[in-house]
PDB file of all heavy atoms in Angstrom:
ATOM      1  N   HIS A   1       0.788  -1.131  -0.021  1.00  0.00           N
ATOM      2  CA  HIS A   1       0.004  -0.018  -0.039  1.00  0.00           C
ATOM      3  C   HIS A   1       0.861   1.315   0.027  1.00  0.00           C
ATOM      4  O   HIS A   1       0.543   2.227  -0.769  1.00  0.00           O
ATOM      5  CB  HIS A   1      -0.919  -0.018   1.198  1.00  0.00           C
ATOM      6  CG  HIS A   1      -1.932  -1.116   1.170  1.00  0.00           C
ATOM      7  ND1 HIS A   1      -2.441  -1.649   2.373  1.00  0.00           N
ATOM      8  CD2 HIS A   1      -2.277  -2.062   0.247  1.00  0.00           C
ATOM      9  CE1 HIS A   1      -3.204  -2.694   2.098  1.00  0.00           C
ATOM     10  NE2 HIS A   1      -3.178  -2.952   0.887  1.00  0.00           N
ATOM     11  N   ALA A   2       1.971   1.323   0.729  1.00  0.00           N
ATOM     12  CA  ALA A   2       2.880   2.309   0.810  1.00  0.00           C
ATOM     13  C   ALA A   2       3.574   2.517  -0.520  1.00  0.00           C
ATOM     14  O   ALA A   2       3.983   3.671  -0.871  1.00  0.00           O
ATOM     15  CB  ALA A   2       3.891   2.192   1.850  1.00  0.00           C
ATOM     16  N   ASP A   3       3.661   1.476  -1.268  1.00  0.00           N
ATOM     17  CA  ASP A   3       4.247   1.574  -2.590  1.00  0.00           C
ATOM     18  C   ASP A   3       3.309   1.877  -3.639  1.00  0.00           C
ATOM     19  O   ASP A   3       3.593   1.661  -4.843  1.00  0.00           O
ATOM     20  CB  ASP A   3       5.042   0.250  -2.799  1.00  0.00           C
ATOM     21  CG  ASP A   3       6.043   0.387  -3.847  1.00  0.00           C
ATOM     22  OD1 ASP A   3       6.562   1.521  -4.207  1.00  0.00           O
ATOM     23  OD2 ASP A   3       6.645  -0.698  -4.251  1.00  0.00           O
ATOM     24  N   GLY A   4       2.044   2.132  -3.299  1.00  0.00           N
ATOM     25  CA  GLY A   4       0.947   2.396  -4.335  1.00  0.00           C
ATOM     26  C   GLY A   4       0.274   1.286  -4.871  1.00  0.00           C
ATOM     27  O   GLY A   4      -0.351   1.427  -5.950  1.00  0.00           O
ATOM     28  N   SER A   5       0.534   0.018  -4.352  1.00  0.00           N
ATOM     29  CA  SER A   5      -0.053  -1.134  -4.944  1.00  0.00           C
ATOM     30  C   SER A   5      -1.309  -1.514  -4.254  1.00  0.00           C
ATOM     31  O   SER A   5      -1.294  -1.702  -2.995  1.00  0.00           O
ATOM     32  CB  SER A   5       0.948  -2.368  -5.036  1.00  0.00           C
ATOM     33  OG  SER A   5       0.436  -3.429  -5.769  1.00  0.00           O
ATOM     34  N   ALA A   6      -2.419  -1.622  -4.848  1.00  0.00           N
ATOM     35  CA  ALA A   6      -3.708  -1.942  -4.291  1.00  0.00           C
ATOM     36  C   ALA A   6      -3.950  -3.499  -4.131  1.00  0.00           C
ATOM     37  O   ALA A   6      -3.464  -4.277  -4.966  1.00  0.00           O
ATOM     38  CB  ALA A   6      -4.896  -1.457  -5.189  1.00  0.00           C
ATOM     39  N   THR A   7      -4.526  -3.780  -3.061  1.00  0.00           N
ATOM     40  CA  THR A   7      -4.830  -5.264  -2.717  1.00  0.00           C
ATOM     41  C   THR A   7      -6.341  -5.458  -2.873  1.00  0.00           C
ATOM     42  O   THR A   7      -6.865  -6.532  -2.778  1.00  0.00           O
ATOM     43  CB  THR A   7      -4.378  -5.746  -1.415  1.00  0.00           C
ATOM     44  OG1 THR A   7      -4.942  -4.861  -0.390  1.00  0.00           O
ATOM     45  CG2 THR A   7      -2.799  -5.660  -1.289  1.00  0.00           C
ATOM     46  N   MET A   8      -7.162  -4.434  -3.123  1.00  0.00           N
ATOM     47  CA  MET A   8      -8.550  -4.484  -3.538  1.00  0.00           C
ATOM     48  C   MET A   8      -8.889  -3.407  -4.448  1.00  0.00           C
ATOM     49  O   MET A   8      -8.370  -2.244  -4.280  1.00  0.00           O
ATOM     50  CB  MET A   8      -9.428  -4.510  -2.164  1.00  0.00           C
ATOM     51  CG  MET A   8     -10.902  -4.557  -2.483  1.00  0.00           C
ATOM     52  SD  MET A   8     -11.981  -4.603  -1.094  1.00  0.00           S
ATOM     53  CE  MET A   8     -11.973  -6.304  -0.764  1.00  0.00           C
ATOM     54  N   TYR A   9      -9.752  -3.786  -5.345  1.00  0.00           N
ATOM     55  CA  TYR A   9     -10.265  -2.636  -6.306  1.00  0.00           C
ATOM     56  C   TYR A   9     -11.227  -1.716  -5.598  1.00  0.00           C
ATOM     57  O   TYR A   9     -12.206  -2.139  -4.961  1.00  0.00           O
ATOM     58  CB  TYR A   9     -10.924  -3.429  -7.438  1.00  0.00           C
ATOM     59  CG  TYR A   9     -11.461  -2.585  -8.552  1.00  0.00           C
ATOM     60  CD1 TYR A   9     -10.746  -2.544  -9.806  1.00  0.00           C
ATOM     61  CD2 TYR A   9     -12.547  -1.786  -8.462  1.00  0.00           C
ATOM     62  CE1 TYR A   9     -11.172  -1.907 -10.827  1.00  0.00           C
ATOM     63  CE2 TYR A   9     -13.131  -1.034  -9.562  1.00  0.00           C
ATOM     64  CZ  TYR A   9     -12.349  -1.157 -10.751  1.00  0.00           C
ATOM     65  OH  TYR A   9     -12.882  -0.408 -11.895  1.00  0.00           O
ATOM     66  N   VAL A  10     -10.749  -0.534  -5.501  1.00  0.00           N
ATOM     67  CA  VAL A  10     -11.580   0.646  -5.007  1.00  0.00           C
ATOM     68  C   VAL A  10     -11.640   1.672  -6.010  1.00  0.00           C
ATOM     69  O   VAL A  10     -10.575   2.384  -6.234  1.00  0.00           O
ATOM     70  CB  VAL A  10     -10.959   1.187  -3.642  1.00  0.00           C
ATOM     71  CG1 VAL A  10     -11.977   2.179  -3.045  1.00  0.00           C
ATOM     72  CG2 VAL A  10     -10.808  -0.044  -2.598  1.00  0.00           C
ATOM     73  N   SER A  11     -12.668   1.840  -6.659  1.00  0.00           N
ATOM     74  CA  SER A  11     -12.759   2.631  -7.955  1.00  0.00           C
ATOM     75  C   SER A  11     -12.605   4.130  -7.838  1.00  0.00           C
ATOM     76  O   SER A  11     -12.199   4.822  -8.721  1.00  0.00           O
ATOM     77  CB  SER A  11     -14.091   2.330  -8.673  1.00  0.00           C
ATOM     78  OG  SER A  11     -15.177   2.785  -7.863  1.00  0.00           O
ATOM     79  N   ASP A  12     -12.789   4.647  -6.530  1.00  0.00           N
ATOM     80  CA  ASP A  12     -12.815   6.138  -6.340  1.00  0.00           C
ATOM     81  C   ASP A  12     -11.702   6.537  -5.433  1.00  0.00           C
ATOM     82  O   ASP A  12     -11.680   7.743  -5.047  1.00  0.00           O
ATOM     83  CB  ASP A  12     -14.169   6.610  -5.891  1.00  0.00           C
ATOM     84  CG  ASP A  12     -14.583   6.048  -4.586  1.00  0.00           C
ATOM     85  OD1 ASP A  12     -13.992   4.974  -4.123  1.00  0.00           O
ATOM     86  OD2 ASP A  12     -15.510   6.510  -3.980  1.00  0.00           O
ATOM     87  N   VAL A  13     -10.762   5.706  -5.072  1.00  0.00           N
ATOM     88  CA  VAL A  13      -9.533   5.945  -4.266  1.00  0.00           C
ATOM     89  C   VAL A  13      -8.464   5.370  -4.926  1.00  0.00           C
ATOM     90  O   VAL A  13      -8.072   4.204  -4.648  1.00  0.00           O
ATOM     91  CB  VAL A  13      -9.851   5.610  -2.718  1.00  0.00           C
ATOM     92  CG1 VAL A  13      -8.581   6.101  -1.825  1.00  0.00           C
ATOM     93  CG2 VAL A  13     -11.100   6.026  -2.091  1.00  0.00           C
ATOM     94  N   LEU A  14      -7.662   6.062  -5.761  1.00  0.00           N
ATOM     95  CA  LEU A  14      -6.613   5.612  -6.424  1.00  0.00           C
ATOM     96  C   LEU A  14      -5.294   5.894  -5.817  1.00  0.00           C
ATOM     97  O   LEU A  14      -5.179   6.661  -4.858  1.00  0.00           O
ATOM     98  CB  LEU A  14      -6.793   6.149  -7.959  1.00  0.00           C
ATOM     99  CG  LEU A  14      -8.068   5.954  -8.642  1.00  0.00           C
ATOM    100  CD1 LEU A  14      -7.996   6.467  -9.972  1.00  0.00           C
ATOM    101  CD2 LEU A  14      -8.368   4.436  -8.682  1.00  0.00           C
ATOM    102  N   PRO A  15      -4.138   5.356  -6.376  1.00  0.00           N
ATOM    103  CA  PRO A  15      -2.933   5.487  -5.787  1.00  0.00           C
ATOM    104  C   PRO A  15      -2.393   6.921  -5.496  1.00  0.00           C
ATOM    105  O   PRO A  15      -1.572   7.189  -4.633  1.00  0.00           O
ATOM    106  CB  PRO A  15      -1.947   4.766  -6.665  1.00  0.00           C
ATOM    107  CG  PRO A  15      -2.723   3.706  -7.262  1.00  0.00           C
ATOM    108  CD  PRO A  15      -4.097   4.367  -7.557  1.00  0.00           C
ATOM    109  N   ASP A  16      -2.940   7.936  -6.267  1.00  0.00           N
ATOM    110  CA  ASP A  16      -2.437   9.216  -6.013  1.00  0.00           C
ATOM    111  C   ASP A  16      -3.370  10.028  -5.030  1.00  0.00           C
ATOM    112  O   ASP A  16      -3.184  11.352  -4.743  1.00  0.00           O
ATOM    113  CB  ASP A  16      -2.374  10.046  -7.312  1.00  0.00           C
ATOM    114  CG  ASP A  16      -3.920   9.935  -8.071  1.00  0.00           C
ATOM    115  OD1 ASP A  16      -4.813   9.365  -7.529  1.00  0.00           O
ATOM    116  OD2 ASP A  16      -4.041  10.696  -9.001  1.00  0.00           O
ATOM    117  N   SER A  17      -4.317   9.307  -4.323  1.00  0.00           N
ATOM    118  CA  SER A  17      -5.127   9.894  -3.241  1.00  0.00           C
ATOM    119  C   SER A  17      -4.392   9.925  -1.928  1.00  0.00           C
ATOM    120  O   SER A  17      -3.743   8.886  -1.574  1.00  0.00           O
ATOM    121  CB  SER A  17      -6.343   9.103  -3.176  1.00  0.00           C
ATOM    122  OG  SER A  17      -7.111   9.415  -2.040  1.00  0.00           O
ATOM    123  N   ALA A  18      -4.751  10.787  -1.134  1.00  0.00           N
ATOM    124  CA  ALA A  18      -4.128  10.855   0.203  1.00  0.00           C
ATOM    125  C   ALA A  18      -4.666   9.846   1.037  1.00  0.00           C
ATOM    126  O   ALA A  18      -4.161   9.504   2.025  1.00  0.00           O
ATOM    127  CB  ALA A  18      -4.344  12.254   0.756  1.00  0.00           C
ATOM    128  N   ASP A  19      -5.888   9.315   0.634  1.00  0.00           N
ATOM    129  CA  ASP A  19      -6.500   8.357   1.509  1.00  0.00           C
ATOM    130  C   ASP A  19      -6.177   6.909   1.042  1.00  0.00           C
ATOM    131  O   ASP A  19      -6.715   5.872   1.504  1.00  0.00           O
ATOM    132  CB  ASP A  19      -7.995   8.544   1.389  1.00  0.00           C
ATOM    133  CG  ASP A  19      -8.516   9.738   2.282  1.00  0.00           C
ATOM    134  OD1 ASP A  19      -7.992  10.035   3.353  1.00  0.00           O
ATOM    135  OD2 ASP A  19      -9.241  10.487   1.571  1.00  0.00           O
ATOM    136  N   PHE A  20      -5.399   6.712   0.027  1.00  0.00           N
ATOM    137  CA  PHE A  20      -5.165   5.407  -0.603  1.00  0.00           C
ATOM    138  C   PHE A  20      -4.683   4.410   0.518  1.00  0.00           C
ATOM    139  O   PHE A  20      -5.297   3.255   0.504  1.00  0.00           O
ATOM    140  CB  PHE A  20      -4.084   5.535  -1.731  1.00  0.00           C
ATOM    141  CG  PHE A  20      -3.774   4.166  -2.376  1.00  0.00           C
ATOM    142  CD1 PHE A  20      -4.556   3.649  -3.319  1.00  0.00           C
ATOM    143  CD2 PHE A  20      -2.570   3.502  -2.034  1.00  0.00           C
ATOM    144  CE1 PHE A  20      -4.275   2.476  -3.888  1.00  0.00           C
ATOM    145  CE2 PHE A  20      -2.269   2.329  -2.528  1.00  0.00           C
ATOM    146  CZ  PHE A  20      -3.139   1.649  -3.512  1.00  0.00           C
ATOM    147  N   GLU A  21      -3.710   4.677   1.329  1.00  0.00           N
ATOM    148  CA  GLU A  21      -3.094   3.685   2.128  1.00  0.00           C
ATOM    149  C   GLU A  21      -4.240   3.220   3.274  1.00  0.00           C
ATOM    150  O   GLU A  21      -4.294   2.096   3.505  1.00  0.00           O
ATOM    151  CB  GLU A  21      -1.894   4.222   2.715  1.00  0.00           C
ATOM    152  CG  GLU A  21      -0.673   4.209   1.897  1.00  0.00           C
ATOM    153  CD  GLU A  21       0.575   4.543   2.622  1.00  0.00           C
ATOM    154  OE1 GLU A  21       0.898   3.897   3.533  1.00  0.00           O
ATOM    155  OE2 GLU A  21       1.191   5.499   2.191  1.00  0.00           O
ATOM    156  N   VAL A  22      -4.890   4.193   3.739  1.00  0.00           N
ATOM    157  CA  VAL A  22      -5.768   3.837   4.877  1.00  0.00           C
ATOM    158  C   VAL A  22      -7.009   3.171   4.264  1.00  0.00           C
ATOM    159  O   VAL A  22      -7.522   2.152   4.991  1.00  0.00           O
ATOM    160  CB  VAL A  22      -6.314   5.130   5.724  1.00  0.00           C
ATOM    161  CG1 VAL A  22      -5.078   5.738   6.381  1.00  0.00           C
ATOM    162  CG2 VAL A  22      -6.939   6.172   4.723  1.00  0.00           C
ATOM    163  N   VAL A  23      -7.409   3.507   3.114  1.00  0.00           N
ATOM    164  CA  VAL A  23      -8.584   2.773   2.502  1.00  0.00           C
ATOM    165  C   VAL A  23      -8.126   1.357   2.142  1.00  0.00           C
ATOM    166  O   VAL A  23      -9.019   0.335   2.344  1.00  0.00           O
ATOM    167  CB  VAL A  23      -9.111   3.522   1.324  1.00  0.00           C
ATOM    168  CG1 VAL A  23     -10.160   2.672   0.539  1.00  0.00           C
ATOM    169  CG2 VAL A  23      -9.785   4.790   1.712  1.00  0.00           C
ATOM    170  N   GLN A  24      -7.026   1.206   1.557  1.00  0.00           N
ATOM    171  CA  GLN A  24      -6.468  -0.156   1.239  1.00  0.00           C
ATOM    172  C   GLN A  24      -6.332  -0.990   2.575  1.00  0.00           C
ATOM    173  O   GLN A  24      -6.707  -2.206   2.561  1.00  0.00           O
ATOM    174  CB  GLN A  24      -5.283  -0.077   0.495  1.00  0.00           C
ATOM    175  CG  GLN A  24      -5.440   0.262  -1.041  1.00  0.00           C
ATOM    176  CD  GLN A  24      -6.247  -0.704  -1.797  1.00  0.00           C
ATOM    177  OE1 GLN A  24      -6.010  -1.922  -1.612  1.00  0.00           O
ATOM    178  NE2 GLN A  24      -7.158  -0.323  -2.618  1.00  0.00           N
ATOM    179  N   TRP A  25      -5.884  -0.413   3.584  1.00  0.00           N
ATOM    180  CA  TRP A  25      -5.759  -1.157   4.899  1.00  0.00           C
ATOM    181  C   TRP A  25      -7.089  -1.580   5.396  1.00  0.00           C
ATOM    182  O   TRP A  25      -7.318  -2.744   5.749  1.00  0.00           O
ATOM    183  CB  TRP A  25      -5.125  -0.208   5.945  1.00  0.00           C
ATOM    184  CG  TRP A  25      -5.285  -0.635   7.335  1.00  0.00           C
ATOM    185  CD1 TRP A  25      -4.671  -1.652   7.959  1.00  0.00           C
ATOM    186  CD2 TRP A  25      -6.217  -0.206   8.306  1.00  0.00           C
ATOM    187  NE1 TRP A  25      -5.158  -1.877   9.194  1.00  0.00           N
ATOM    188  CE2 TRP A  25      -6.058  -0.937   9.438  1.00  0.00           C
ATOM    189  CE3 TRP A  25      -7.122   0.971   8.251  1.00  0.00           C
ATOM    190  CZ2 TRP A  25      -6.889  -0.629  10.591  1.00  0.00           C
ATOM    191  CZ3 TRP A  25      -7.915   1.109   9.552  1.00  0.00           C
ATOM    192  CH2 TRP A  25      -7.749   0.335  10.571  1.00  0.00           C
ATOM    193  N   TRP A  26      -8.041  -0.658   5.314  1.00  0.00           N
ATOM    194  CA  TRP A  26      -9.390  -1.059   5.736  1.00  0.00           C
ATOM    195  C   TRP A  26     -10.046  -2.032   4.834  1.00  0.00           C
ATOM    196  O   TRP A  26     -10.732  -3.021   5.353  1.00  0.00           O
ATOM    197  CB  TRP A  26     -10.297   0.240   5.787  1.00  0.00           C
ATOM    198  CG  TRP A  26     -11.616   0.143   6.444  1.00  0.00           C
ATOM    199  CD1 TRP A  26     -12.850   0.229   5.876  1.00  0.00           C
ATOM    200  CD2 TRP A  26     -11.919  -0.066   7.909  1.00  0.00           C
ATOM    201  NE1 TRP A  26     -13.821   0.118   6.776  1.00  0.00           N
ATOM    202  CE2 TRP A  26     -13.253  -0.125   8.012  1.00  0.00           C
ATOM    203  CE3 TRP A  26     -11.060  -0.417   8.923  1.00  0.00           C
ATOM    204  CZ2 TRP A  26     -13.885  -0.394   9.259  1.00  0.00           C
ATOM    205  CZ3 TRP A  26     -11.677  -0.676  10.185  1.00  0.00           C
ATOM    206  CH2 TRP A  26     -12.956  -0.657  10.286  1.00  0.00           C
ATOM    207  N   ALA A  27      -9.856  -1.987   3.520  1.00  0.00           N
ATOM    208  CA  ALA A  27     -10.489  -2.883   2.578  1.00  0.00           C
ATOM    209  C   ALA A  27      -9.763  -4.345   2.853  1.00  0.00           C
ATOM    210  O   ALA A  27     -10.420  -5.365   2.780  1.00  0.00           O
ATOM    211  CB  ALA A  27     -10.111  -2.545   1.250  1.00  0.00           C
ATOM    212  N   ALA A  28      -8.450  -4.277   3.095  1.00  0.00           N
ATOM    213  CA  ALA A  28      -7.844  -5.600   3.429  1.00  0.00           C
ATOM    214  C   ALA A  28      -8.300  -6.282   4.581  1.00  0.00           C
ATOM    215  O   ALA A  28      -8.284  -7.511   4.612  1.00  0.00           O
ATOM    216  CB  ALA A  28      -6.318  -5.403   3.419  1.00  0.00           C
TER     217      ALA A  28
END
């Protein structure tokens, strides 16, 4: 997640979003 790699498809929070890491953590 810190390296910009998603482990779940979230269509409105992409790697350039400030919320990317926390949303991917929550999704995981």
